[in-house]
Amino acid sequence: MKLVAKATIGIMGLALFAGSAFADAGADVYKAKCAMCHGADGAGAMAKKMGSQDLNSPEVQKMSDQELTTIISNGKGKMTGFKGKLTDAQISDVVKHLRTLKK
């Protein structure tokens, strides 16, 4: 019984670590590829000049993960797409990071 409890605690700890590692990976990709236009907080002045939405806004945050993935992959408006420049896993990590930008 103690072994099961220890294993469960170990798995939970690993899951928490893995979750934070994915969030960090998304933050790193966001910082390298997105922050120059969207700002570190997702509400950058450059993005406003270019007419894009605040990534923190309810309008963006209510989009599905698939919608955000499509926009990041294919681009939208003046934003170029990142398909072929980022892996699917990196794009998924960025979407996860965008969820942390909620207002």
PDB file of N, CA and C in Angstrom:
ATOM      1  N   MET A   1       0.820  -1.181   0.000  1.00  0.00           N
ATOM      2  CA  MET A   1       0.000   0.000   0.000  1.00  0.00           C
ATOM      3  C   MET A   1       0.869   1.252   0.000  1.00  0.00           C
ATOM      4  N   LYS A   2       1.940   1.250   0.810  1.00  0.00           N
ATOM      5  CA  LYS A   2       2.832   2.399   0.847  1.00  0.00           C
ATOM      6  C   LYS A   2       3.497   2.605  -0.510  1.00  0.00           C
ATOM      7  N   LEU A   3       3.812   1.511  -1.200  1.00  0.00           N
ATOM      8  CA  LEU A   3       4.442   1.590  -2.514  1.00  0.00           C
ATOM      9  C   LEU A   3       3.502   2.271  -3.509  1.00  0.00           C
ATOM     10  N   VAL A   4       2.233   1.931  -3.468  1.00  0.00           N
ATOM     11  CA  VAL A   4       1.241   2.542  -4.359  1.00  0.00           C
ATOM     12  C   VAL A   4       1.129   4.036  -4.069  1.00  0.00           C
ATOM     13  N   ALA A   5       1.114   4.405  -2.801  1.00  0.00           N
ATOM     14  CA  ALA A   5       1.023   5.818  -2.428  1.00  0.00           C
ATOM     15  C   ALA A   5       2.252   6.577  -2.904  1.00  0.00           C
ATOM     16  N   LYS A   6       3.425   5.997  -2.723  1.00  0.00           N
ATOM     17  CA  LYS A   6       4.653   6.654  -3.175  1.00  0.00           C
ATOM     18  C   LYS A   6       4.678   6.785  -4.694  1.00  0.00           C
ATOM     19  N   ALA A   7       4.242   5.743  -5.373  1.00  0.00           N
ATOM     20  CA  ALA A   7       4.203   5.784  -6.839  1.00  0.00           C
ATOM     21  C   ALA A   7       3.236   6.854  -7.319  1.00  0.00           C
ATOM     22  N   THR A   8       2.090   6.948  -6.672  1.00  0.00           N
ATOM     23  CA  THR A   8       1.099   7.959  -7.041  1.00  0.00           C
ATOM     24  C   THR A   8       1.647   9.362  -6.831  1.00  0.00           C
ATOM     25  N   ILE A   9       2.281   9.581  -5.709  1.00  0.00           N
ATOM     26  CA  ILE A   9       2.878  10.890  -5.426  1.00  0.00           C
ATOM     27  C   ILE A   9       3.978  11.193  -6.438  1.00  0.00           C
ATOM     28  N   GLY A  10       4.772  10.213  -6.774  1.00  0.00           N
ATOM     29  CA  GLY A  10       5.840  10.401  -7.754  1.00  0.00           C
ATOM     30  C   GLY A  10       5.296  10.753  -9.127  1.00  0.00           C
ATOM     31  N   ILE A  11       4.239  10.072  -9.534  1.00  0.00           N
ATOM     32  CA  ILE A  11       3.626  10.349 -10.836  1.00  0.00           C
ATOM     33  C   ILE A  11       3.022  11.744 -10.852  1.00  0.00           C
ATOM     34  N   MET A  12       2.370  12.126  -9.760  1.00  0.00           N
ATOM     35  CA  MET A  12       1.779  13.466  -9.684  1.00  0.00           C
ATOM     36  C   MET A  12       2.873  14.533  -9.769  1.00  0.00           C
ATOM     37  N   GLY A  13       3.971  14.310  -9.083  1.00  0.00           N
ATOM     38  CA  GLY A  13       5.086  15.257  -9.135  1.00  0.00           C
ATOM     39  C   GLY A  13       5.665  15.368 -10.534  1.00  0.00           C
ATOM     40  N   LEU A  14       5.804  14.240 -11.206  1.00  0.00           N
ATOM     41  CA  LEU A  14       6.303  14.228 -12.571  1.00  0.00           C
ATOM     42  C   LEU A  14       5.353  14.969 -13.500  1.00  0.00           C
ATOM     43  N   ALA A  15       4.059  14.777 -13.321  1.00  0.00           N
ATOM     44  CA  ALA A  15       3.061  15.461 -14.148  1.00  0.00           C
ATOM     45  C   ALA A  15       3.136  16.976 -13.956  1.00  0.00           C
ATOM     46  N   LEU A  16       3.304  17.411 -12.712  1.00  0.00           N
ATOM     47  CA  LEU A  16       3.435  18.842 -12.443  1.00  0.00           C
ATOM     48  C   LEU A  16       4.700  19.400 -13.077  1.00  0.00           C
ATOM     49  N   PHE A  17       5.794  18.664 -12.974  1.00  0.00           N
ATOM     50  CA  PHE A  17       7.048  19.099 -13.583  1.00  0.00           C
ATOM     51  C   PHE A  17       6.919  19.160 -15.096  1.00  0.00           C
ATOM     52  N   ALA A  18       6.325  18.139 -15.696  1.00  0.00           N
ATOM     53  CA  ALA A  18       6.163  18.104 -17.152  1.00  0.00           C
ATOM     54  C   ALA A  18       5.277  19.249 -17.618  1.00  0.00           C
ATOM     55  N   GLY A  19       4.225  19.528 -16.876  1.00  0.00           N
ATOM     56  CA  GLY A  19       3.345  20.637 -17.238  1.00  0.00           C
ATOM     57  C   GLY A  19       4.065  21.964 -17.219  1.00  0.00           C
ATOM     58  N   SER A  20       4.890  22.190 -16.219  1.00  0.00           N
ATOM     59  CA  SER A  20       5.631  23.450 -16.155  1.00  0.00           C
ATOM     60  C   SER A  20       6.711  23.490 -17.223  1.00  0.00           C
ATOM     61  N   ALA A  21       7.283  22.349 -17.569  1.00  0.00           N
ATOM     62  CA  ALA A  21       8.292  22.315 -18.628  1.00  0.00           C
ATOM     63  C   ALA A  21       7.666  22.687 -19.964  1.00  0.00           C
ATOM     64  N   PHE A  22       6.435  22.189 -20.240  1.00  0.00           N
ATOM     65  CA  PHE A  22       5.751  22.549 -21.482  1.00  0.00           C
ATOM     66  C   PHE A  22       5.425  24.033 -21.501  1.00  0.00           C
ATOM     67  N   ALA A  23       4.975  24.561 -20.383  1.00  0.00           N
ATOM     68  CA  ALA A  23       4.663  25.982 -20.303  1.00  0.00           C
ATOM     69  C   ALA A  23       5.919  26.806 -20.538  1.00  0.00           C
ATOM     70  N   ASP A  24       7.028  26.383 -19.962  1.00  0.00           N
ATOM     71  CA  ASP A  24       8.296  27.088 -20.154  1.00  0.00           C
ATOM     72  C   ASP A  24       8.735  27.017 -21.610  1.00  0.00           C
ATOM     73  N   ALA A  25       8.564  25.859 -22.246  1.00  0.00           N
ATOM     74  CA  ALA A  25       8.932  25.710 -23.654  1.00  0.00           C
ATOM     75  C   ALA A  25       8.108  26.665 -24.504  1.00  0.00           C
ATOM     76  N   GLY A  26       6.823  26.761 -24.226  1.00  0.00           N
ATOM     77  CA  GLY A  26       5.961  27.683 -24.961  1.00  0.00           C
ATOM     78  C   GLY A  26       6.353  29.125 -24.729  1.00  0.00           C
ATOM     79  N   ALA A  27       6.729  29.452 -23.505  1.00  0.00           N
ATOM     80  CA  ALA A  27       7.164  30.813 -23.182  1.00  0.00           C
ATOM     81  C   ALA A  27       8.449  31.144 -23.922  1.00  0.00           C
ATOM     82  N   ASP A  28       9.357  30.172 -24.022  1.00  0.00           N
ATOM     83  CA  ASP A  28      10.620  30.396 -24.728  1.00  0.00           C
ATOM     84  C   ASP A  28      10.385  30.643 -26.213  1.00  0.00           C
ATOM     85  N   VAL A  29       9.518  29.840 -26.817  1.00  0.00           N
ATOM     86  CA  VAL A  29       9.209  30.018 -28.241  1.00  0.00           C
ATOM     87  C   VAL A  29       8.487  31.348 -28.446  1.00  0.00           C
ATOM     88  N   TYR A  30       7.532  31.655 -27.573  1.00  0.00           N
ATOM     89  CA  TYR A  30       6.811  32.929 -27.659  1.00  0.00           C
ATOM     90  C   TYR A  30       7.793  34.097 -27.585  1.00  0.00           C
ATOM     91  N   LYS A  31       8.703  34.029 -26.657  1.00  0.00           N
ATOM     92  CA  LYS A  31       9.676  35.112 -26.470  1.00  0.00           C
ATOM     93  C   LYS A  31      10.533  35.282 -27.723  1.00  0.00           C
ATOM     94  N   ALA A  32      10.935  34.171 -28.338  1.00  0.00           N
ATOM     95  CA  ALA A  32      11.812  34.222 -29.502  1.00  0.00           C
ATOM     96  C   ALA A  32      11.088  34.613 -30.781  1.00  0.00           C
ATOM     97  N   LYS A  33       9.833  34.199 -30.930  1.00  0.00           N
ATOM     98  CA  LYS A  33       9.151  34.364 -32.216  1.00  0.00           C
ATOM     99  C   LYS A  33       7.976  35.342 -32.207  1.00  0.00           C
ATOM    100  N   CYS A  34       7.392  35.602 -31.062  1.00  0.00           N
ATOM    101  CA  CYS A  34       6.139  36.357 -31.016  1.00  0.00           C
ATOM    102  C   CYS A  34       6.246  37.698 -30.294  1.00  0.00           C
ATOM    103  N   ALA A  35       7.058  37.730 -29.249  1.00  0.00           N
ATOM    104  CA  ALA A  35       7.093  38.895 -28.361  1.00  0.00           C
ATOM    105  C   ALA A  35       7.535  40.168 -29.067  1.00  0.00           C
ATOM    106  N   MET A  36       8.309  40.049 -30.142  1.00  0.00           N
ATOM    107  CA  MET A  36       8.782  41.253 -30.828  1.00  0.00           C
ATOM    108  C   MET A  36       7.617  42.085 -31.370  1.00  0.00           C
ATOM    109  N   CYS A  37       6.519  41.438 -31.718  1.00  0.00           N
ATOM    110  CA  CYS A  37       5.334  42.165 -32.191  1.00  0.00           C
ATOM    111  C   CYS A  37       4.232  42.223 -31.139  1.00  0.00           C
ATOM    112  N   HIS A  38       4.037  41.119 -30.434  1.00  0.00           N
ATOM    113  CA  HIS A  38       2.927  41.033 -29.490  1.00  0.00           C
ATOM    114  C   HIS A  38       3.289  41.466 -28.080  1.00  0.00           C
ATOM    115  N   GLY A  39       4.563  41.711 -27.821  1.00  0.00           N
ATOM    116  CA  GLY A  39       5.000  42.116 -26.496  1.00  0.00           C
ATOM    117  C   GLY A  39       5.108  40.940 -25.552  1.00  0.00           C
ATOM    118  N   ALA A  40       5.899  41.100 -24.530  1.00  0.00           N
ATOM    119  CA  ALA A  40       6.130  40.026 -23.556  1.00  0.00           C
ATOM    120  C   ALA A  40       4.840  39.601 -22.875  1.00  0.00           C
ATOM    121  N   ASP A  41       3.913  40.548 -22.703  1.00  0.00           N
ATOM    122  CA  ASP A  41       2.654  40.261 -22.013  1.00  0.00           C
ATOM    123  C   ASP A  41       1.498  39.966 -22.962  1.00  0.00           C
ATOM    124  N   GLY A  42       1.751  39.969 -24.273  1.00  0.00           N
ATOM    125  CA  GLY A  42       0.697  39.683 -25.244  1.00  0.00           C
ATOM    126  C   GLY A  42      -0.107  40.891 -25.675  1.00  0.00           C
ATOM    127  N   ALA A  43       0.157  42.036 -25.075  1.00  0.00           N
ATOM    128  CA  ALA A  43      -0.607  43.254 -25.382  1.00  0.00           C
ATOM    129  C   ALA A  43       0.317  44.351 -25.885  1.00  0.00           C
ATOM    130  N   GLY A  44       1.294  43.965 -26.687  1.00  0.00           N
ATOM    131  CA  GLY A  44       2.331  44.890 -27.110  1.00  0.00           C
ATOM    132  C   GLY A  44       1.851  46.046 -27.961  1.00  0.00           C
ATOM    133  N   ALA A  45       2.556  47.157 -27.859  1.00  0.00           N
ATOM    134  CA  ALA A  45       2.234  48.362 -28.621  1.00  0.00           C
ATOM    135  C   ALA A  45       2.373  48.118 -30.120  1.00  0.00           C
ATOM    136  N   MET A  46       3.366  47.328 -30.544  1.00  0.00           N
ATOM    137  CA  MET A  46       3.560  47.049 -31.964  1.00  0.00           C
ATOM    138  C   MET A  46       2.344  46.307 -32.520  1.00  0.00           C
ATOM    139  N   ALA A  47       1.812  45.369 -31.753  1.00  0.00           N
ATOM    140  CA  ALA A  47       0.633  44.629 -32.195  1.00  0.00           C
ATOM    141  C   ALA A  47      -0.544  45.584 -32.391  1.00  0.00           C
ATOM    142  N   LYS A  48      -0.694  46.546 -31.515  1.00  0.00           N
ATOM    143  CA  LYS A  48      -1.785  47.513 -31.633  1.00  0.00           C
ATOM    144  C   LYS A  48      -1.612  48.373 -32.878  1.00  0.00           C
ATOM    145  N   LYS A  49      -0.378  48.774 -33.172  1.00  0.00           N
ATOM    146  CA  LYS A  49      -0.114  49.561 -34.378  1.00  0.00           C
ATOM    147  C   LYS A  49      -0.446  48.768 -35.636  1.00  0.00           C
ATOM    148  N   MET A  50      -0.227  47.471 -35.579  1.00  0.00           N
ATOM    149  CA  MET A  50      -0.457  46.615 -36.738  1.00  0.00           C
ATOM    150  C   MET A  50      -1.914  46.177 -36.840  1.00  0.00           C
ATOM    151  N   GLY A  51      -2.722  46.533 -35.854  1.00  0.00           N
ATOM    152  CA  GLY A  51      -4.138  46.213 -35.894  1.00  0.00           C
ATOM    153  C   GLY A  51      -4.504  44.835 -35.392  1.00  0.00           C
ATOM    154  N   SER A  52      -3.597  44.159 -34.724  1.00  0.00           N
ATOM    155  CA  SER A  52      -3.949  42.836 -34.193  1.00  0.00           C
ATOM    156  C   SER A  52      -4.560  42.967 -32.809  1.00  0.00           C
ATOM    157  N   GLN A  53      -5.220  41.913 -32.393  1.00  0.00           N
ATOM    158  CA  GLN A  53      -5.884  41.924 -31.097  1.00  0.00           C
ATOM    159  C   GLN A  53      -4.901  41.669 -29.961  1.00  0.00           C
ATOM    160  N   ASP A  54      -5.279  42.157 -28.821  1.00  0.00           N
ATOM    161  CA  ASP A  54      -4.569  41.886 -27.578  1.00  0.00           C
ATOM    162  C   ASP A  54      -4.722  40.389 -27.282  1.00  0.00           C
ATOM    163  N   LEU A  55      -3.619  39.674 -27.164  1.00  0.00           N
ATOM    164  CA  LEU A  55      -3.679  38.227 -26.921  1.00  0.00           C
ATOM    165  C   LEU A  55      -4.268  37.881 -25.559  1.00  0.00           C
ATOM    166  N   ASN A  56      -4.343  38.859 -24.680  1.00  0.00           N
ATOM    167  CA  ASN A  56      -4.940  38.661 -23.357  1.00  0.00           C
ATOM    168  C   ASN A  56      -6.458  38.802 -23.395  1.00  0.00           C
ATOM    169  N   SER A  57      -6.968  39.376 -24.456  1.00  0.00           N
ATOM    170  CA  SER A  57      -8.379  39.752 -24.513  1.00  0.00           C
ATOM    171  C   SER A  57      -9.301  38.538 -24.474  1.00  0.00           C
ATOM    172  N   PRO A  58     -10.517  38.742 -23.990  1.00  0.00           N
ATOM    173  CA  PRO A  58     -11.494  37.653 -23.989  1.00  0.00           C
ATOM    174  C   PRO A  58     -11.763  37.107 -25.396  1.00  0.00           C
ATOM    175  N   GLU A  59     -11.698  37.984 -26.412  1.00  0.00           N
ATOM    176  CA  GLU A  59     -11.949  37.537 -27.788  1.00  0.00           C
ATOM    177  C   GLU A  59     -10.931  36.490 -28.229  1.00  0.00           C
ATOM    178  N   VAL A  60      -9.677  36.723 -27.904  1.00  0.00           N
ATOM    179  CA  VAL A  60      -8.630  35.766 -28.264  1.00  0.00           C
ATOM    180  C   VAL A  60      -8.681  34.556 -27.339  1.00  0.00           C
ATOM    181  N   GLN A  61      -8.850  34.792 -26.064  1.00  0.00           N
ATOM    182  CA  GLN A  61      -8.838  33.698 -25.094  1.00  0.00           C
ATOM    183  C   GLN A  61     -10.010  32.734 -25.277  1.00  0.00           C
ATOM    184  N   LYS A  62     -11.121  33.199 -25.870  1.00  0.00           N
ATOM    185  CA  LYS A  62     -12.254  32.285 -26.075  1.00  0.00           C
ATOM    186  C   LYS A  62     -12.085  31.417 -27.324  1.00  0.00           C
ATOM    187  N   MET A  63     -11.067  31.728 -28.146  1.00  0.00           N
ATOM    188  CA  MET A  63     -10.803  30.900 -29.317  1.00  0.00           C
ATOM    189  C   MET A  63     -10.377  29.507 -28.870  1.00  0.00           C
ATOM    190  N   SER A  64     -10.735  28.532 -29.669  1.00  0.00           N
ATOM    191  CA  SER A  64     -10.325  27.161 -29.353  1.00  0.00           C
ATOM    192  C   SER A  64      -8.831  26.999 -29.612  1.00  0.00           C
ATOM    193  N   ASP A  65      -8.269  25.962 -29.025  1.00  0.00           N
ATOM    194  CA  ASP A  65      -6.858  25.671 -29.269  1.00  0.00           C
ATOM    195  C   ASP A  65      -6.623  25.456 -30.764  1.00  0.00           C
ATOM    196  N   GLN A  66      -7.570  24.811 -31.436  1.00  0.00           N
ATOM    197  CA  GLN A  66      -7.426  24.562 -32.876  1.00  0.00           C
ATOM    198  C   GLN A  66      -7.427  25.865 -33.665  1.00  0.00           C
ATOM    199  N   GLU A  67      -8.292  26.813 -33.280  1.00  0.00           N
ATOM    200  CA  GLU A  67      -8.311  28.111 -33.971  1.00  0.00           C
ATOM    201  C   GLU A  67      -6.977  28.835 -33.797  1.00  0.00           C
ATOM    202  N   LEU A  68      -6.458  28.842 -32.580  1.00  0.00           N
ATOM    203  CA  LEU A  68      -5.174  29.489 -32.330  1.00  0.00           C
ATOM    204  C   LEU A  68      -4.048  28.783 -33.079  1.00  0.00           C
ATOM    205  N   THR A  69      -4.089  27.472 -33.110  1.00  0.00           N
ATOM    206  CA  THR A  69      -3.080  26.694 -33.836  1.00  0.00           C
ATOM    207  C   THR A  69      -3.108  27.037 -35.319  1.00  0.00           C
ATOM    208  N   THR A  70      -4.302  27.149 -35.879  1.00  0.00           N
ATOM    209  CA  THR A  70      -4.444  27.484 -37.299  1.00  0.00           C
ATOM    210  C   THR A  70      -3.876  28.873 -37.592  1.00  0.00           C
ATOM    211  N   ILE A  71      -4.178  29.833 -36.731  1.00  0.00           N
ATOM    212  CA  ILE A  71      -3.669  31.191 -36.929  1.00  0.00           C
ATOM    213  C   ILE A  71      -2.148  31.224 -36.826  1.00  0.00           C
ATOM    214  N   ILE A  72      -1.604  30.558 -35.825  1.00  0.00           N
ATOM    215  CA  ILE A  72      -0.150  30.536 -35.666  1.00  0.00           C
ATOM    216  C   ILE A  72       0.502  29.829 -36.856  1.00  0.00           C
ATOM    217  N   SER A  73      -0.106  28.756 -37.306  1.00  0.00           N
ATOM    218  CA  SER A  73       0.455  27.981 -38.416  1.00  0.00           C
ATOM    219  C   SER A  73       0.376  28.727 -39.742  1.00  0.00           C
ATOM    220  N   ASN A  74      -0.795  29.277 -40.050  1.00  0.00           N
ATOM    221  CA  ASN A  74      -1.041  29.854 -41.367  1.00  0.00           C
ATOM    222  C   ASN A  74      -0.923  31.374 -41.418  1.00  0.00           C
ATOM    223  N   GLY A  75      -0.917  32.007 -40.256  1.00  0.00           N
ATOM    224  CA  GLY A  75      -0.892  33.461 -40.206  1.00  0.00           C
ATOM    225  C   GLY A  75      -2.296  34.031 -40.329  1.00  0.00           C
ATOM    226  N   LYS A  76      -2.393  35.335 -40.113  1.00  0.00           N
ATOM    227  CA  LYS A  76      -3.674  36.029 -40.236  1.00  0.00           C
ATOM    228  C   LYS A  76      -3.375  37.514 -40.352  1.00  0.00           C
ATOM    229  N   GLY A  77      -4.016  38.158 -41.308  1.00  0.00           N
ATOM    230  CA  GLY A  77      -3.741  39.575 -41.522  1.00  0.00           C
ATOM    231  C   GLY A  77      -2.282  39.770 -41.899  1.00  0.00           C
ATOM    232  N   LYS A  78      -1.605  40.656 -41.189  1.00  0.00           N
ATOM    233  CA  LYS A  78      -0.198  40.943 -41.468  1.00  0.00           C
ATOM    234  C   LYS A  78       0.754  39.928 -40.838  1.00  0.00           C
ATOM    235  N   MET A  79       0.218  39.073 -39.964  1.00  0.00           N
ATOM    236  CA  MET A  79       1.062  38.075 -39.305  1.00  0.00           C
ATOM    237  C   MET A  79       1.358  36.930 -40.265  1.00  0.00           C
ATOM    238  N   THR A  80       2.634  36.631 -40.436  1.00  0.00           N
ATOM    239  CA  THR A  80       3.012  35.490 -41.265  1.00  0.00           C
ATOM    240  C   THR A  80       2.841  34.205 -40.467  1.00  0.00           C
ATOM    241  N   GLY A  81       2.611  33.115 -41.157  1.00  0.00           N
ATOM    242  CA  GLY A  81       2.450  31.826 -40.509  1.00  0.00           C
ATOM    243  C   GLY A  81       3.785  31.208 -40.124  1.00  0.00           C
ATOM    244  N   PHE A  82       3.723  30.301 -39.182  1.00  0.00           N
ATOM    245  CA  PHE A  82       4.926  29.645 -38.688  1.00  0.00           C
ATOM    246  C   PHE A  82       4.990  28.171 -39.075  1.00  0.00           C
ATOM    247  N   LYS A  83       4.079  27.718 -39.943  1.00  0.00           N
ATOM    248  CA  LYS A  83       4.144  26.328 -40.419  1.00  0.00           C
ATOM    249  C   LYS A  83       5.464  26.149 -41.160  1.00  0.00           C
ATOM    250  N   GLY A  84       6.195  25.129 -40.819  1.00  0.00           N
ATOM    251  CA  GLY A  84       7.488  24.884 -41.426  1.00  0.00           C
ATOM    252  C   GLY A  84       8.629  25.599 -40.721  1.00  0.00           C
ATOM    253  N   LYS A  85       8.306  26.587 -39.902  1.00  0.00           N
ATOM    254  CA  LYS A  85       9.322  27.308 -39.131  1.00  0.00           C
ATOM    255  C   LYS A  85       9.351  26.816 -37.694  1.00  0.00           C
ATOM    256  N   LEU A  86       8.182  26.385 -37.210  1.00  0.00           N
ATOM    257  CA  LEU A  86       8.050  25.793 -35.872  1.00  0.00           C
ATOM    258  C   LEU A  86       7.462  24.399 -36.041  1.00  0.00           C
ATOM    259  N   THR A  87       7.808  23.509 -35.144  1.00  0.00           N
ATOM    260  CA  THR A  87       7.210  22.171 -35.171  1.00  0.00           C
ATOM    261  C   THR A  87       5.779  22.248 -34.637  1.00  0.00           C
ATOM    262  N   ASP A  88       5.012  21.217 -34.898  1.00  0.00           N
ATOM    263  CA  ASP A  88       3.651  21.153 -34.343  1.00  0.00           C
ATOM    264  C   ASP A  88       3.687  21.222 -32.824  1.00  0.00           C
ATOM    265  N   ALA A  89       4.685  20.574 -32.230  1.00  0.00           N
ATOM    266  CA  ALA A  89       4.809  20.584 -30.767  1.00  0.00           C
ATOM    267  C   ALA A  89       5.110  21.996 -30.258  1.00  0.00           C
ATOM    268  N   GLN A  90       5.960  22.729 -30.957  1.00  0.00           N
ATOM    269  CA  GLN A  90       6.265  24.101 -30.550  1.00  0.00           C
ATOM    270  C   GLN A  90       5.027  24.990 -30.656  1.00  0.00           C
ATOM    271  N   ILE A  91       4.263  24.825 -31.720  1.00  0.00           N
ATOM    272  CA  ILE A  91       3.034  25.613 -31.875  1.00  0.00           C
ATOM    273  C   ILE A  91       2.058  25.280 -30.760  1.00  0.00           C
ATOM    274  N   SER A  92       1.929  24.004 -30.434  1.00  0.00           N
ATOM    275  CA  SER A  92       1.064  23.590 -29.329  1.00  0.00           C
ATOM    276  C   SER A  92       1.531  24.202 -28.010  1.00  0.00           C
ATOM    277  N   ASP A  93       2.841  24.240 -27.796  1.00  0.00           N
ATOM    278  CA  ASP A  93       3.388  24.844 -26.580  1.00  0.00           C
ATOM    279  C   ASP A  93       3.083  26.340 -26.526  1.00  0.00           C
ATOM    280  N   VAL A  94       3.141  27.014 -27.670  1.00  0.00           N
ATOM    281  CA  VAL A  94       2.812  28.449 -27.704  1.00  0.00           C
ATOM    282  C   VAL A  94       1.340  28.654 -27.358  1.00  0.00           C
ATOM    283  N   VAL A  95       0.466  27.809 -27.895  1.00  0.00           N
ATOM    284  CA  VAL A  95      -0.963  27.912 -27.561  1.00  0.00           C
ATOM    285  C   VAL A  95      -1.157  27.754 -26.055  1.00  0.00           C
ATOM    286  N   LYS A  96      -0.481  26.791 -25.455  1.00  0.00           N
ATOM    287  CA  LYS A  96      -0.569  26.611 -23.996  1.00  0.00           C
ATOM    288  C   LYS A  96      -0.080  27.848 -23.267  1.00  0.00           C
ATOM    289  N   HIS A  97       0.985  28.450 -23.780  1.00  0.00           N
ATOM    290  CA  HIS A  97       1.500  29.670 -23.164  1.00  0.00           C
ATOM    291  C   HIS A  97       0.491  30.812 -23.301  1.00  0.00           C
ATOM    292  N   LEU A  98      -0.148  30.923 -24.445  1.00  0.00           N
ATOM    293  CA  LEU A  98      -1.138  31.988 -24.636  1.00  0.00           C
ATOM    294  C   LEU A  98      -2.253  31.905 -23.605  1.00  0.00           C
ATOM    295  N   ARG A  99      -2.579  30.714 -23.183  1.00  0.00           N
ATOM    296  CA  ARG A  99      -3.629  30.528 -22.167  1.00  0.00           C
ATOM    297  C   ARG A  99      -3.217  31.119 -20.825  1.00  0.00           C
ATOM    298  N   THR A 100      -1.921  31.294 -20.600  1.00  0.00           N
ATOM    299  CA  THR A 100      -1.467  31.872 -19.332  1.00  0.00           C
ATOM    300  C   THR A 100      -1.532  33.394 -19.355  1.00  0.00           C
ATOM    301  N   LEU A 101      -1.849  33.989 -20.498  1.00  0.00           N
ATOM    302  CA  LEU A 101      -1.878  35.440 -20.639  1.00  0.00           C
ATOM    303  C   LEU A 101      -3.242  36.049 -20.346  1.00  0.00           C
ATOM    304  N   LYS A 102      -4.187  35.251 -19.885  1.00  0.00           N
ATOM    305  CA  LYS A 102      -5.550  35.733 -19.628  1.00  0.00           C
ATOM    306  C   LYS A 102      -5.540  36.949 -18.707  1.00  0.00           C
ATOM    307  N   LYS A 103      -6.456  37.858 -18.984  1.00  0.00           N
ATOM    308  CA  LYS A 103      -6.613  39.027 -18.105  1.00  0.00           C
ATOM    309  C   LYS A 103      -7.447  38.658 -16.921  1.00  0.00           C
TER     310      LYS A 103
END
